[in-house]
Each structure stands twice: as structure tokens, then as C-alpha cells.
PDB file of N, CA and C in Angstrom:
ATOM      1  N   MET A   1      23.607  72.593 271.641  1.00  0.00           N
ATOM      2  CA  MET A   1      24.984  73.150 271.453  1.00  0.00           C
ATOM      3  C   MET A   1      25.763  72.621 272.595  1.00  0.00           C
ATOM      4  N   ASN A   2      26.916  72.004 272.308  1.00  0.00           N
ATOM      5  CA  ASN A   2      27.786  71.711 273.440  1.00  0.00           C
ATOM      6  C   ASN A   2      28.974  72.634 273.533  1.00  0.00           C
ATOM      7  N   LYS A   3      29.814  72.396 274.480  1.00  0.00           N
ATOM      8  CA  LYS A   3      30.935  73.328 274.702  1.00  0.00           C
ATOM      9  C   LYS A   3      31.855  73.571 273.478  1.00  0.00           C
ATOM     10  N   THR A   4      32.187  72.546 272.781  1.00  0.00           N
ATOM     11  CA  THR A   4      32.931  72.630 271.540  1.00  0.00           C
ATOM     12  C   THR A   4      32.268  73.527 270.510  1.00  0.00           C
ATOM     13  N   GLU A   5      30.964  73.331 270.329  1.00  0.00           N
ATOM     14  CA  GLU A   5      30.173  74.033 269.315  1.00  0.00           C
ATOM     15  C   GLU A   5      30.118  75.573 269.752  1.00  0.00           C
ATOM     16  N   LEU A   6      29.981  75.734 271.119  1.00  0.00           N
ATOM     17  CA  LEU A   6      29.979  77.131 271.636  1.00  0.00           C
ATOM     18  C   LEU A   6      31.273  77.907 271.407  1.00  0.00           C
ATOM     19  N   ILE A   7      32.389  77.194 271.636  1.00  0.00           N
ATOM     20  CA  ILE A   7      33.731  77.785 271.372  1.00  0.00           C
ATOM     21  C   ILE A   7      33.881  78.177 269.906  1.00  0.00           C
ATOM     22  N   GLU A   8      33.471  77.233 269.079  1.00  0.00           N
ATOM     23  CA  GLU A   8      33.439  77.500 267.603  1.00  0.00           C
ATOM     24  C   GLU A   8      32.670  78.766 267.161  1.00  0.00           C
ATOM     25  N   ALA A   9      31.420  78.753 267.758  1.00  0.00           N
ATOM     26  CA  ALA A   9      30.506  79.911 267.426  1.00  0.00           C
ATOM     27  C   ALA A   9      31.077  81.187 268.038  1.00  0.00           C
ATOM     28  N   LEU A  10      31.658  81.258 269.121  1.00  0.00           N
ATOM     29  CA  LEU A  10      32.281  82.479 269.741  1.00  0.00           C
ATOM     30  C   LEU A  10      33.417  82.889 268.916  1.00  0.00           C
ATOM     31  N   ALA A  11      34.297  81.939 268.527  1.00  0.00           N
ATOM     32  CA  ALA A  11      35.468  82.244 267.652  1.00  0.00           C
ATOM     33  C   ALA A  11      35.020  82.894 266.281  1.00  0.00           C
ATOM     34  N   ALA A  12      33.964  82.373 265.760  1.00  0.00           N
ATOM     35  CA  ALA A  12      33.500  83.001 264.434  1.00  0.00           C
ATOM     36  C   ALA A  12      32.842  84.314 264.671  1.00  0.00           C
ATOM     37  N   LYS A  13      31.973  84.462 265.746  1.00  0.00           N
ATOM     38  CA  LYS A  13      31.295  85.732 265.982  1.00  0.00           C
ATOM     39  C   LYS A  13      32.237  86.840 266.443  1.00  0.00           C
ATOM     40  N   CYS A  14      33.330  86.560 267.077  1.00  0.00           N
ATOM     41  CA  CYS A  14      34.096  87.656 267.588  1.00  0.00           C
ATOM     42  C   CYS A  14      35.496  87.654 266.951  1.00  0.00           C
ATOM     43  N   ASP A  15      35.637  86.917 265.879  1.00  0.00           N
ATOM     44  CA  ASP A  15      36.962  86.875 265.255  1.00  0.00           C
ATOM     45  C   ASP A  15      38.041  86.474 266.108  1.00  0.00           C
ATOM     46  N   PHE A  16      37.955  85.515 266.948  1.00  0.00           N
ATOM     47  CA  PHE A  16      38.994  84.979 267.812  1.00  0.00           C
ATOM     48  C   PHE A  16      39.409  83.624 267.277  1.00  0.00           C
ATOM     49  N   THR A  17      40.617  83.241 267.690  1.00  0.00           N
ATOM     50  CA  THR A  17      41.046  81.873 267.415  1.00  0.00           C
ATOM     51  C   THR A  17      40.203  80.949 268.294  1.00  0.00           C
ATOM     52  N   LYS A  18      40.236  79.693 267.979  1.00  0.00           N
ATOM     53  CA  LYS A  18      39.449  78.694 268.779  1.00  0.00           C
ATOM     54  C   LYS A  18      40.113  78.638 270.178  1.00  0.00           C
ATOM     55  N   VAL A  19      41.399  78.742 270.250  1.00  0.00           N
ATOM     56  CA  VAL A  19      42.064  78.645 271.482  1.00  0.00           C
ATOM     57  C   VAL A  19      41.704  79.821 272.460  1.00  0.00           C
ATOM     58  N   ALA A  20      41.717  81.052 271.867  1.00  0.00           N
ATOM     59  CA  ALA A  20      41.230  82.175 272.573  1.00  0.00           C
ATOM     60  C   ALA A  20      39.832  82.147 273.050  1.00  0.00           C
ATOM     61  N   ALA A  21      38.982  81.635 272.152  1.00  0.00           N
ATOM     62  CA  ALA A  21      37.517  81.467 272.495  1.00  0.00           C
ATOM     63  C   ALA A  21      37.361  80.442 273.662  1.00  0.00           C
ATOM     64  N   GLY A  22      38.110  79.438 273.481  1.00  0.00           N
ATOM     65  CA  GLY A  22      38.131  78.455 274.610  1.00  0.00           C
ATOM     66  C   GLY A  22      38.514  78.949 275.909  1.00  0.00           C
ATOM     67  N   ARG A  23      39.586  79.748 275.873  1.00  0.00           N
ATOM     68  CA  ARG A  23      40.011  80.336 277.222  1.00  0.00           C
ATOM     69  C   ARG A  23      38.961  81.364 277.671  1.00  0.00           C
ATOM     70  N   ALA A  24      38.232  82.073 276.778  1.00  0.00           N
ATOM     71  CA  ALA A  24      37.182  82.949 277.189  1.00  0.00           C
ATOM     72  C   ALA A  24      36.062  82.245 277.855  1.00  0.00           C
ATOM     73  N   VAL A  25      35.579  81.131 277.219  1.00  0.00           N
ATOM     74  CA  VAL A  25      34.505  80.258 277.746  1.00  0.00           C
ATOM     75  C   VAL A  25      34.904  79.787 279.068  1.00  0.00           C
ATOM     76  N   ASP A  26      36.098  79.177 279.212  1.00  0.00           N
ATOM     77  CA  ASP A  26      36.589  78.646 280.465  1.00  0.00           C
ATOM     78  C   ASP A  26      36.678  79.662 281.478  1.00  0.00           C
ATOM     79  N   GLY A  27      37.226  80.830 281.195  1.00  0.00           N
ATOM     80  CA  GLY A  27      37.293  81.925 282.115  1.00  0.00           C
ATOM     81  C   GLY A  27      35.966  82.481 282.663  1.00  0.00           C
ATOM     82  N   LEU A  28      35.015  82.538 281.711  1.00  0.00           N
ATOM     83  CA  LEU A  28      33.682  82.997 282.085  1.00  0.00           C
ATOM     84  C   LEU A  28      33.011  81.984 283.030  1.00  0.00           C
ATOM     85  N   THR A  29      33.120  80.701 282.743  1.00  0.00           N
ATOM     86  CA  THR A  29      32.484  79.657 283.615  1.00  0.00           C
ATOM     87  C   THR A  29      33.206  79.634 285.014  1.00  0.00           C
ATOM     88  N   GLU A  30      34.536  79.856 285.096  1.00  0.00           N
ATOM     89  CA  GLU A  30      35.266  79.916 286.338  1.00  0.00           C
ATOM     90  C   GLU A  30      34.801  81.156 287.127  1.00  0.00           C
ATOM     91  N   ILE A  31      34.679  82.221 286.484  1.00  0.00           N
ATOM     92  CA  ILE A  31      34.236  83.480 287.327  1.00  0.00           C
ATOM     93  C   ILE A  31      32.911  83.234 287.800  1.00  0.00           C
ATOM     94  N   ILE A  32      31.941  82.681 287.000  1.00  0.00           N
ATOM     95  CA  ILE A  32      30.654  82.498 287.514  1.00  0.00           C
ATOM     96  C   ILE A  32      30.579  81.409 288.689  1.00  0.00           C
ATOM     97  N   THR A  33      31.361  80.383 288.587  1.00  0.00           N
ATOM     98  CA  THR A  33      31.413  79.368 289.594  1.00  0.00           C
ATOM     99  C   THR A  33      31.977  79.991 290.818  1.00  0.00           C
ATOM    100  N   GLU A  34      33.106  80.753 290.768  1.00  0.00           N
ATOM    101  CA  GLU A  34      33.693  81.349 291.933  1.00  0.00           C
ATOM    102  C   GLU A  34      32.776  82.301 292.665  1.00  0.00           C
ATOM    103  N   ALA A  35      31.996  83.023 291.871  1.00  0.00           N
ATOM    104  CA  ALA A  35      30.975  83.928 292.526  1.00  0.00           C
ATOM    105  C   ALA A  35      29.954  83.209 293.235  1.00  0.00           C
ATOM    106  N   LEU A  36      29.423  82.098 292.629  1.00  0.00           N
ATOM    107  CA  LEU A  36      28.355  81.312 293.223  1.00  0.00           C
ATOM    108  C   LEU A  36      28.816  80.616 294.410  1.00  0.00           C
ATOM    109  N   VAL A  37      30.133  80.186 294.463  1.00  0.00           N
ATOM    110  CA  VAL A  37      30.644  79.507 295.692  1.00  0.00           C
ATOM    111  C   VAL A  37      30.705  80.541 296.804  1.00  0.00           C
ATOM    112  N   LYS A  38      30.842  81.872 296.539  1.00  0.00           N
ATOM    113  CA  LYS A  38      30.902  82.848 297.545  1.00  0.00           C
ATOM    114  C   LYS A  38      29.513  83.334 297.868  1.00  0.00           C
ATOM    115  N   ASP A  39      28.394  82.712 297.378  1.00  0.00           N
ATOM    116  CA  ASP A  39      27.060  83.082 297.492  1.00  0.00           C
ATOM    117  C   ASP A  39      26.724  84.487 296.851  1.00  0.00           C
ATOM    118  N   ASP A  40      27.565  84.877 295.793  1.00  0.00           N
ATOM    119  CA  ASP A  40      27.145  86.132 295.103  1.00  0.00           C
ATOM    120  C   ASP A  40      26.340  85.751 293.912  1.00  0.00           C
ATOM    121  N   ASN A  41      25.534  86.695 293.442  1.00  0.00           N
ATOM    122  CA  ASN A  41      24.811  86.566 292.193  1.00  0.00           C
ATOM    123  C   ASN A  41      25.534  87.121 291.122  1.00  0.00           C
ATOM    124  N   VAL A  42      25.410  86.660 289.803  1.00  0.00           N
ATOM    125  CA  VAL A  42      26.029  87.116 288.631  1.00  0.00           C
ATOM    126  C   VAL A  42      24.940  87.538 287.649  1.00  0.00           C
ATOM    127  N   SER A  43      24.736  88.842 287.469  1.00  0.00           N
ATOM    128  CA  SER A  43      23.692  89.380 286.671  1.00  0.00           C
ATOM    129  C   SER A  43      24.257  89.895 285.333  1.00  0.00           C
ATOM    130  N   ILE A  44      23.689  89.351 284.234  1.00  0.00           N
ATOM    131  CA  ILE A  44      24.070  89.941 282.846  1.00  0.00           C
ATOM    132  C   ILE A  44      22.854  90.554 282.307  1.00  0.00           C
ATOM    133  N   LEU A  45      22.812  91.872 282.269  1.00  0.00           N
ATOM    134  CA  LEU A  45      21.680  92.629 281.810  1.00  0.00           C
ATOM    135  C   LEU A  45      21.099  92.184 280.546  1.00  0.00           C
ATOM    136  N   GLY A  46      19.848  91.749 280.524  1.00  0.00           N
ATOM    137  CA  GLY A  46      19.245  91.320 279.306  1.00  0.00           C
ATOM    138  C   GLY A  46      19.327  89.798 279.088  1.00  0.00           C
ATOM    139  N   PHE A  47      20.337  89.190 279.660  1.00  0.00           N
ATOM    140  CA  PHE A  47      20.569  87.790 279.534  1.00  0.00           C
ATOM    141  C   PHE A  47      19.926  86.998 280.647  1.00  0.00           C
ATOM    142  N   GLY A  48      20.278  87.342 281.902  1.00  0.00           N
ATOM    143  CA  GLY A  48      19.837  86.538 283.072  1.00  0.00           C
ATOM    144  C   GLY A  48      20.745  86.730 284.221  1.00  0.00           C
ATOM    145  N   THR A  49      20.291  86.013 285.261  1.00  0.00           N
ATOM    146  CA  THR A  49      21.012  86.016 286.555  1.00  0.00           C
ATOM    147  C   THR A  49      21.295  84.596 287.032  1.00  0.00           C
ATOM    148  N   PHE A  50      22.498  84.430 287.441  1.00  0.00           N
ATOM    149  CA  PHE A  50      22.962  83.184 288.067  1.00  0.00           C
ATOM    150  C   PHE A  50      22.945  83.431 289.601  1.00  0.00           C
ATOM    151  N   ALA A  51      22.385  82.530 290.280  1.00  0.00           N
ATOM    152  CA  ALA A  51      22.221  82.642 291.778  1.00  0.00           C
ATOM    153  C   ALA A  51      22.275  81.331 292.463  1.00  0.00           C
ATOM    154  N   VAL A  52      22.408  81.370 293.768  1.00  0.00           N
ATOM    155  CA  VAL A  52      22.459  80.134 294.619  1.00  0.00           C
ATOM    156  C   VAL A  52      21.149  79.972 295.296  1.00  0.00           C
ATOM    157  N   GLY A  53      20.446  78.849 295.098  1.00  0.00           N
ATOM    158  CA  GLY A  53      19.223  78.629 295.725  1.00  0.00           C
ATOM    159  C   GLY A  53      19.413  77.619 296.948  1.00  0.00           C
ATOM    160  N   GLN A  54      18.513  77.519 297.838  1.00  0.00           N
ATOM    161  CA  GLN A  54      18.561  76.700 299.061  1.00  0.00           C
ATOM    162  C   GLN A  54      17.476  75.603 298.894  1.00  0.00           C
ATOM    163  N   ARG A  55      17.976  74.438 299.189  1.00  0.00           N
ATOM    164  CA  ARG A  55      16.997  73.228 299.310  1.00  0.00           C
ATOM    165  C   ARG A  55      16.909  72.874 300.769  1.00  0.00           C
ATOM    166  N   ALA A  56      15.708  72.789 301.328  1.00  0.00           N
ATOM    167  CA  ALA A  56      15.554  72.390 302.674  1.00  0.00           C
ATOM    168  C   ALA A  56      15.751  70.902 302.888  1.00  0.00           C
ATOM    169  N   ALA A  57      16.080  70.524 304.018  1.00  0.00           N
ATOM    170  CA  ALA A  57      16.200  69.021 304.414  1.00  0.00           C
ATOM    171  C   ALA A  57      14.781  68.447 304.199  1.00  0.00           C
ATOM    172  N   ARG A  58      14.756  67.254 303.789  1.00  0.00           N
ATOM    173  CA  ARG A  58      13.376  66.613 303.541  1.00  0.00           C
ATOM    174  C   ARG A  58      13.650  65.149 303.744  1.00  0.00           C
ATOM    175  N   THR A  59      12.410  64.450 303.735  1.00  0.00           N
ATOM    176  CA  THR A  59      12.419  62.984 303.778  1.00  0.00           C
ATOM    177  C   THR A  59      12.071  62.466 302.398  1.00  0.00           C
ATOM    178  N   GLY A  60      12.809  61.555 301.911  1.00  0.00           N
ATOM    179  CA  GLY A  60      12.513  60.962 300.640  1.00  0.00           C
ATOM    180  C   GLY A  60      12.294  59.436 300.782  1.00  0.00           C
ATOM    181  N   ARG A  61      12.148  58.757 299.740  1.00  0.00           N
ATOM    182  CA  ARG A  61      11.971  57.273 299.691  1.00  0.00           C
ATOM    183  C   ARG A  61      12.989  56.582 298.820  1.00  0.00           C
ATOM    184  N   ASN A  62      13.490  55.519 299.212  1.00  0.00           N
ATOM    185  CA  ASN A  62      14.377  54.641 298.511  1.00  0.00           C
ATOM    186  C   ASN A  62      13.436  53.930 297.498  1.00  0.00           C
ATOM    187  N   PRO A  63      13.652  54.231 296.222  1.00  0.00           N
ATOM    188  CA  PRO A  63      12.804  53.597 295.239  1.00  0.00           C
ATOM    189  C   PRO A  63      12.781  52.069 295.119  1.00  0.00           C
ATOM    190  N   LYS A  64      13.869  51.419 295.537  1.00  0.00           N
ATOM    191  CA  LYS A  64      13.952  49.971 295.605  1.00  0.00           C
ATOM    192  C   LYS A  64      13.196  49.399 296.789  1.00  0.00           C
ATOM    193  N   THR A  65      13.389  49.971 297.988  1.00  0.00           N
ATOM    194  CA  THR A  65      12.803  49.326 299.137  1.00  0.00           C
ATOM    195  C   THR A  65      11.647  50.053 299.738  1.00  0.00           C
ATOM    196  N   GLY A  66      11.425  51.278 299.341  1.00  0.00           N
ATOM    197  CA  GLY A  66      10.345  52.152 299.856  1.00  0.00           C
ATOM    198  C   GLY A  66      10.582  52.696 301.222  1.00  0.00           C
ATOM    199  N   GLU A  67      11.828  52.371 301.689  1.00  0.00           N
ATOM    200  CA  GLU A  67      12.276  52.915 303.071  1.00  0.00           C
ATOM    201  C   GLU A  67      12.336  54.407 303.032  1.00  0.00           C
ATOM    202  N   ALA A  68      12.035  55.084 304.081  1.00  0.00           N
ATOM    203  CA  ALA A  68      12.149  56.528 304.277  1.00  0.00           C
ATOM    204  C   ALA A  68      13.674  56.779 304.525  1.00  0.00           C
ATOM    205  N   ILE A  69      14.118  57.835 303.817  1.00  0.00           N
ATOM    206  CA  ILE A  69      15.505  58.261 303.965  1.00  0.00           C
ATOM    207  C   ILE A  69      15.565  59.765 304.223  1.00  0.00           C
ATOM    208  N   LYS A  70      16.569  60.319 304.935  1.00  0.00           N
ATOM    209  CA  LYS A  70      16.675  61.730 305.177  1.00  0.00           C
ATOM    210  C   LYS A  70      17.570  62.244 304.080  1.00  0.00           C
ATOM    211  N   ILE A  71      17.121  63.318 303.458  1.00  0.00           N
ATOM    212  CA  ILE A  71      17.823  64.087 302.436  1.00  0.00           C
ATOM    213  C   ILE A  71      18.336  65.347 303.078  1.00  0.00           C
ATOM    214  N   ALA A  72      19.619  65.601 303.161  1.00  0.00           N
ATOM    215  CA  ALA A  72      20.139  66.817 303.758  1.00  0.00           C
ATOM    216  C   ALA A  72      19.897  67.949 303.003  1.00  0.00           C
ATOM    217  N   ALA A  73      19.861  69.160 303.731  1.00  0.00           N
ATOM    218  CA  ALA A  73      19.700  70.465 303.046  1.00  0.00           C
ATOM    219  C   ALA A  73      20.942  70.673 302.207  1.00  0.00           C
ATOM    220  N   SER A  74      20.742  71.388 301.093  1.00  0.00           N
ATOM    221  CA  SER A  74      21.788  71.692 300.111  1.00  0.00           C
ATOM    222  C   SER A  74      21.542  73.003 299.427  1.00  0.00           C
ATOM    223  N   LYS A  75      22.616  73.432 298.739  1.00  0.00           N
ATOM    224  CA  LYS A  75      22.582  74.598 297.960  1.00  0.00           C
ATOM    225  C   LYS A  75      22.573  74.095 296.427  1.00  0.00           C
ATOM    226  N   THR A  76      21.973  74.852 295.555  1.00  0.00           N
ATOM    227  CA  THR A  76      21.913  74.532 294.146  1.00  0.00           C
ATOM    228  C   THR A  76      22.033  75.793 293.247  1.00  0.00           C
ATOM    229  N   PRO A  77      22.788  75.743 292.164  1.00  0.00           N
ATOM    230  CA  PRO A  77      22.826  76.810 291.303  1.00  0.00           C
ATOM    231  C   PRO A  77      21.522  76.983 290.561  1.00  0.00           C
ATOM    232  N   LYS A  78      21.135  78.235 290.301  1.00  0.00           N
ATOM    233  CA  LYS A  78      19.895  78.591 289.662  1.00  0.00           C
ATOM    234  C   LYS A  78      20.195  79.640 288.598  1.00  0.00           C
ATOM    235  N   PHE A  79      19.451  79.595 287.519  1.00  0.00           N
ATOM    236  CA  PHE A  79      19.485  80.585 286.444  1.00  0.00           C
ATOM    237  C   PHE A  79      18.078  81.136 286.217  1.00  0.00           C
ATOM    238  N   SER A  80      18.015  82.436 286.207  1.00  0.00           N
ATOM    239  CA  SER A  80      16.728  83.183 285.824  1.00  0.00           C
ATOM    240  C   SER A  80      17.002  83.945 284.600  1.00  0.00           C
ATOM    241  N   ALA A  81      16.187  83.617 283.517  1.00  0.00           N
ATOM    242  CA  ALA A  81      16.395  84.317 282.245  1.00  0.00           C
ATOM    243  C   ALA A  81      15.931  85.888 282.336  1.00  0.00           C
ATOM    244  N   GLY A  82      16.730  86.677 281.677  1.00  0.00           N
ATOM    245  CA  GLY A  82      16.336  88.099 281.539  1.00  0.00           C
ATOM    246  C   GLY A  82      15.261  88.303 280.544  1.00  0.00           C
ATOM    247  N   THR A  83      14.729  89.550 280.466  1.00  0.00           N
ATOM    248  CA  THR A  83      13.647  89.863 279.621  1.00  0.00           C
ATOM    249  C   THR A  83      13.984  89.749 278.144  1.00  0.00           C
ATOM    250  N   LYS A  84      15.200  90.193 277.734  1.00  0.00           N
ATOM    251  CA  LYS A  84      15.617  90.091 276.317  1.00  0.00           C
ATOM    252  C   LYS A  84      15.787  88.687 275.854  1.00  0.00           C
ATOM    253  N   LEU A  85      16.276  87.814 276.761  1.00  0.00           N
ATOM    254  CA  LEU A  85      16.450  86.460 276.346  1.00  0.00           C
ATOM    255  C   LEU A  85      15.100  85.707 276.300  1.00  0.00           C
ATOM    256  N   LYS A  86      14.177  86.068 277.166  1.00  0.00           N
ATOM    257  CA  LYS A  86      12.755  85.465 277.110  1.00  0.00           C
ATOM    258  C   LYS A  86      12.103  85.886 275.788  1.00  0.00           C
ATOM    259  N   ALA A  87      12.313  87.193 275.542  1.00  0.00           N
ATOM    260  CA  ALA A  87      11.600  87.662 274.268  1.00  0.00           C
ATOM    261  C   ALA A  87      12.244  87.040 273.070  1.00  0.00           C
ATOM    262  N   ALA A  88      13.467  86.867 273.039  1.00  0.00           N
ATOM    263  CA  ALA A  88      14.234  86.241 271.850  1.00  0.00           C
ATOM    264  C   ALA A  88      13.741  84.790 271.670  1.00  0.00           C
ATOM    265  N   VAL A  89      13.524  84.063 272.798  1.00  0.00           N
ATOM    266  CA  VAL A  89      13.105  82.749 272.683  1.00  0.00           C
ATOM    267  C   VAL A  89      11.688  82.507 272.336  1.00  0.00           C
ATOM    268  N   ASN A  90      10.895  83.545 272.717  1.00  0.00           N
ATOM    269  CA  ASN A  90       9.493  83.483 272.376  1.00  0.00           C
ATOM    270  C   ASN A  90       9.137  84.143 271.053  1.00  0.00           C
ATOM    271  N   THR A  91      10.021  84.708 270.372  1.00  0.00           N
ATOM    272  CA  THR A  91       9.692  85.248 268.978  1.00  0.00           C
ATOM    273  C   THR A  91       9.566  84.198 268.047  1.00  0.00           C
ATOM    274  N   LYS A  92       8.549  84.266 267.123  1.00  0.00           N
ATOM    275  CA  LYS A  92       8.288  83.331 266.108  1.00  0.00           C
ATOM    276  C   LYS A  92       9.393  83.395 265.054  1.00  0.00           C
ATOM    277  N   PRO A  93       9.757  82.274 264.476  1.00  0.00           N
ATOM    278  CA  PRO A  93      10.870  82.272 263.457  1.00  0.00           C
ATOM    279  C   PRO A  93      10.673  83.286 262.263  1.00  0.00           C
ATOM    280  N   ALA A  94       9.431  83.536 261.844  1.00  0.00           N
ATOM    281  CA  ALA A  94       9.206  84.394 260.727  1.00  0.00           C
ATOM    282  C   ALA A  94       9.577  85.835 261.180  1.00  0.00           C
ATOM    283  N   ALA A  95       9.120  86.206 262.357  1.00  0.00           N
ATOM    284  CA  ALA A  95       9.478  87.484 262.983  1.00  0.00           C
ATOM    285  C   ALA A  95      10.965  87.704 263.129  1.00  0.00           C
ATOM    286  N   LYS A  96      11.732  86.722 263.472  1.00  0.00           N
ATOM    287  CA  LYS A  96      13.131  86.677 263.702  1.00  0.00           C
ATOM    288  C   LYS A  96      13.804  87.003 262.359  1.00  0.00           C
ATOM    289  N   ALA A  97      13.299  86.383 261.327  1.00  0.00           N
ATOM    290  CA  ALA A  97      13.948  86.594 259.997  1.00  0.00           C
ATOM    291  C   ALA A  97      13.569  88.062 259.493  1.00  0.00           C
ATOM    292  N   ALA A  98      12.468  88.516 259.776  1.00  0.00           N
ATOM    293  CA  ALA A  98      12.044  89.884 259.390  1.00  0.00           C
ATOM    294  C   ALA A  98      12.922  90.918 260.209  1.00  0.00           C
ATOM    295  N   ALA A  99      13.217  90.582 261.432  1.00  0.00           N
ATOM    296  CA  ALA A  99      14.017  91.422 262.302  1.00  0.00           C
ATOM    297  C   ALA A  99      15.401  91.560 261.757  1.00  0.00           C
ATOM    298  N   LYS A 100      15.939  90.449 261.308  1.00  0.00           N
ATOM    299  CA  LYS A 100      17.340  90.420 260.726  1.00  0.00           C
ATOM    300  C   LYS A 100      17.400  91.259 259.551  1.00  0.00           C
ATOM    301  N   LYS A 101      16.378  91.342 258.661  1.00  0.00           N
ATOM    302  CA  LYS A 101      16.479  92.053 257.484  1.00  0.00           C
ATOM    303  C   LYS A 101      16.420  93.588 257.726  1.00  0.00           C
ATOM    304  N   LYS A 102      15.971  94.027 258.862  1.00  0.00           N
ATOM    305  CA  LYS A 102      15.890  95.475 259.133  1.00  0.00           C
ATOM    306  C   LYS A 102      17.177  95.964 259.420  1.00  0.00           C
TER     307      LYS A 102
END
């Protein structure tokens, strides 16, 4: 699913216009980005947690020449899935269909 498909799905699910759904998706991504820039975590109960991870400085190799190069330390965004999301992903399709019927 790409961003356009996500916006269309959100519009259908929440009875929004596509424009309003697009603003909601853009707003959510901006809020998460701003929090991560400040080294804050964003936790959505049952869905997961967005956090900033640290990568240590290390030595790598130039694949063309084999020469050793220094790679600087950096920060990277990370996502850790919540228990409900993990359970939903690991549920078998037949069980999902049965759960929808209940």
C-alpha cells in the first residue's frame, strides 16, 4: 500500500473526503517526525512505538576498491510493533474471516 492508497482507505474507513484524509496522514507523519527529531518516542497502544536508535561509528569497506572507510555515528528511526499488531499479522486468514463474522 502506498500513500495514495492509504489516503483512499482512510477516507473510506472514516467517511472523510480524500483531501481531509490526506491532511490527516500528512499531519500524523509530521507529528511523528517532529517528535523523533526531539528524541521523543511516539507510542500508539496496541499498534507500536516509533523511537530513535543510535548507530555507533564503525569501519566499512568501499565495495569497488576494498579500501577501509570510516562511517560516522548516526541516528536512525525505528519502529517496534505492539502486541495487537503482531497478533493481527500472525493470525491465519481463515481465523480472520471467522473473527469478522462474530
